[in-house]
Every structure is written in structure tokens, then in C-alpha cells.
């Protein structure tokens, strides 16, 4: 699990890893701080 400096640009460009439903981007400067991203659901969350 690589840790990086979280910047607005890095977060804006963050995409889910190929073949995974969810990916995490962890901060190198603040322990425990991270951003997660999920692939969009195939169906809407509302009905």
C-alpha cells in the first residue's frame, strides 16, 4: 500500500484500479487519512 502526498490534483485524477470494485489512496503525511473510490453501480441507488 503506497502512501502519497494528497493534493487536490492527485485526488481529482484518482481512479479505481483495474479489476477492482474499490481503491484507496493513503496520505503519507497524516496517519490514517485516505480517500476511497468505488466503481459506479450498474443500477441507480434509488427506485
N, C-alpha and C. Protein backbone atom coordinates (compact mmCIF):
# COMPACT_ATOMS: atom_id res chain seq x y z
N UNK A 1 0.84 -1.17 0.00
CA UNK A 1 0.00 0.00 0.00
C UNK A 1 0.89 1.23 0.00
N UNK A 2 0.95 1.90 -1.14
CA UNK A 2 1.78 3.09 -1.28
C UNK A 2 1.07 4.30 -0.67
N UNK A 3 1.83 5.13 0.00
CA UNK A 3 1.30 6.36 0.57
C UNK A 3 1.87 7.53 -0.22
N UNK A 4 1.02 8.53 -0.49
CA UNK A 4 1.42 9.67 -1.30
C UNK A 4 0.98 10.96 -0.63
N UNK A 5 1.52 12.07 -1.07
CA UNK A 5 1.07 13.37 -0.60
C UNK A 5 -0.27 13.66 -1.28
N UNK A 6 -1.32 13.84 -0.48
CA UNK A 6 -2.64 14.11 -1.05
C UNK A 6 -2.72 15.58 -1.47
N UNK A 7 -2.99 15.79 -2.74
CA UNK A 7 -3.20 17.13 -3.27
C UNK A 7 -4.54 17.13 -4.00
N UNK A 8 -5.07 18.31 -4.26
CA UNK A 8 -6.35 18.41 -4.97
C UNK A 8 -6.26 17.74 -6.35
N UNK A 9 -5.15 17.95 -7.03
CA UNK A 9 -4.97 17.35 -8.35
C UNK A 9 -4.87 15.84 -8.31
N UNK A 10 -4.14 15.33 -7.33
CA UNK A 10 -3.99 13.87 -7.22
C UNK A 10 -5.33 13.22 -6.91
N UNK A 11 -6.12 13.84 -6.04
CA UNK A 11 -7.44 13.29 -5.69
C UNK A 11 -8.37 13.38 -6.90
N UNK A 12 -8.34 14.49 -7.65
CA UNK A 12 -9.20 14.65 -8.82
C UNK A 12 -8.88 13.62 -9.90
N UNK A 13 -7.61 13.22 -10.02
CA UNK A 13 -7.18 12.26 -11.04
C UNK A 13 -7.28 10.81 -10.58
N UNK A 14 -7.61 10.59 -9.32
CA UNK A 14 -7.64 9.24 -8.74
C UNK A 14 -8.75 8.41 -9.37
N UNK A 15 -8.41 7.21 -9.84
CA UNK A 15 -9.37 6.30 -10.44
C UNK A 15 -9.24 4.93 -9.79
N UNK A 16 -10.30 4.18 -9.88
CA UNK A 16 -10.33 2.84 -9.32
C UNK A 16 -9.35 1.94 -10.09
N UNK A 17 -8.59 1.10 -9.38
CA UNK A 17 -7.65 0.18 -10.02
C UNK A 17 -8.40 -0.79 -10.93
N UNK A 18 -7.79 -1.14 -12.04
CA UNK A 18 -8.38 -2.08 -12.99
C UNK A 18 -8.69 -3.40 -12.31
N UNK A 19 -9.89 -3.89 -12.51
CA UNK A 19 -10.28 -5.18 -11.95
C UNK A 19 -10.73 -5.13 -10.50
N UNK A 20 -10.77 -3.96 -9.90
CA UNK A 20 -11.20 -3.83 -8.50
C UNK A 20 -12.46 -2.98 -8.42
N UNK A 21 -13.31 -3.28 -7.43
CA UNK A 21 -14.54 -2.52 -7.23
C UNK A 21 -14.28 -1.27 -6.39
N UNK A 22 -13.18 -1.28 -5.60
CA UNK A 22 -12.87 -0.16 -4.73
C UNK A 22 -11.36 -0.02 -4.60
N UNK A 23 -10.88 1.23 -4.56
CA UNK A 23 -9.46 1.50 -4.38
C UNK A 23 -9.27 2.60 -3.33
N UNK A 24 -8.08 2.61 -2.72
CA UNK A 24 -7.77 3.58 -1.67
C UNK A 24 -6.50 4.34 -2.02
N UNK A 25 -6.47 5.61 -1.62
CA UNK A 25 -5.30 6.47 -1.78
C UNK A 25 -4.98 6.98 -0.38
N UNK A 26 -3.82 6.58 0.16
CA UNK A 26 -3.47 6.90 1.55
C UNK A 26 -2.49 8.06 1.61
N UNK A 27 -2.66 8.91 2.62
CA UNK A 27 -1.82 10.08 2.81
C UNK A 27 -0.49 9.70 3.48
N UNK A 28 0.60 10.24 2.95
CA UNK A 28 1.93 9.99 3.51
C UNK A 28 2.21 10.89 4.72
N UNK A 29 1.45 11.98 4.85
CA UNK A 29 1.74 12.95 5.90
C UNK A 29 0.86 12.83 7.13
N UNK A 30 -0.37 12.34 6.97
CA UNK A 30 -1.31 12.24 8.09
C UNK A 30 -1.71 10.77 8.26
N UNK A 31 -1.25 10.12 9.32
CA UNK A 31 -1.56 8.70 9.53
C UNK A 31 -3.07 8.46 9.58
N UNK A 32 -3.52 7.46 8.83
CA UNK A 32 -4.92 7.08 8.84
C UNK A 32 -5.81 7.86 7.89
N UNK A 33 -5.28 8.90 7.25
CA UNK A 33 -6.08 9.70 6.32
C UNK A 33 -5.98 9.09 4.92
N UNK A 34 -7.12 8.86 4.33
CA UNK A 34 -7.14 8.29 3.00
C UNK A 34 -8.40 8.66 2.25
N UNK A 35 -8.40 8.37 0.96
CA UNK A 35 -9.54 8.60 0.09
C UNK A 35 -9.87 7.27 -0.56
N UNK A 36 -11.15 6.94 -0.60
CA UNK A 36 -11.56 5.72 -1.29
C UNK A 36 -12.44 6.08 -2.46
N UNK A 37 -12.42 5.22 -3.47
CA UNK A 37 -13.26 5.41 -4.65
C UNK A 37 -13.84 4.06 -5.02
N UNK A 38 -15.10 4.08 -5.44
CA UNK A 38 -15.78 2.86 -5.87
C UNK A 38 -16.22 3.04 -7.31
N UNK A 39 -16.23 1.92 -8.04
CA UNK A 39 -16.75 1.97 -9.40
C UNK A 39 -18.25 2.21 -9.31
N UNK A 40 -18.81 2.91 -10.28
CA UNK A 40 -20.25 3.18 -10.25
C UNK A 40 -21.07 1.88 -10.27
N UNK A 41 -22.18 1.92 -9.58
CA UNK A 41 -23.09 0.77 -9.57
C UNK A 41 -23.76 0.67 -10.94
N UNK A 42 -24.14 -0.53 -11.31
CA UNK A 42 -24.81 -0.73 -12.59
C UNK A 42 -26.25 -0.24 -12.54
N UNK A 43 -26.83 -0.24 -11.35
CA UNK A 43 -28.20 0.22 -11.16
C UNK A 43 -28.22 1.45 -10.27
N UNK A 44 -29.18 2.34 -10.46
CA UNK A 44 -29.26 3.50 -9.58
C UNK A 44 -29.58 3.10 -8.15
N UNK A 45 -29.17 3.93 -7.21
CA UNK A 45 -29.40 3.63 -5.80
C UNK A 45 -30.84 3.92 -5.39
N UNK A 46 -31.58 4.62 -6.22
CA UNK A 46 -32.96 4.94 -5.90
C UNK A 46 -33.89 4.17 -6.84
N UNK A 47 -35.14 4.03 -6.43
CA UNK A 47 -36.14 3.37 -7.28
C UNK A 47 -37.42 4.14 -7.25
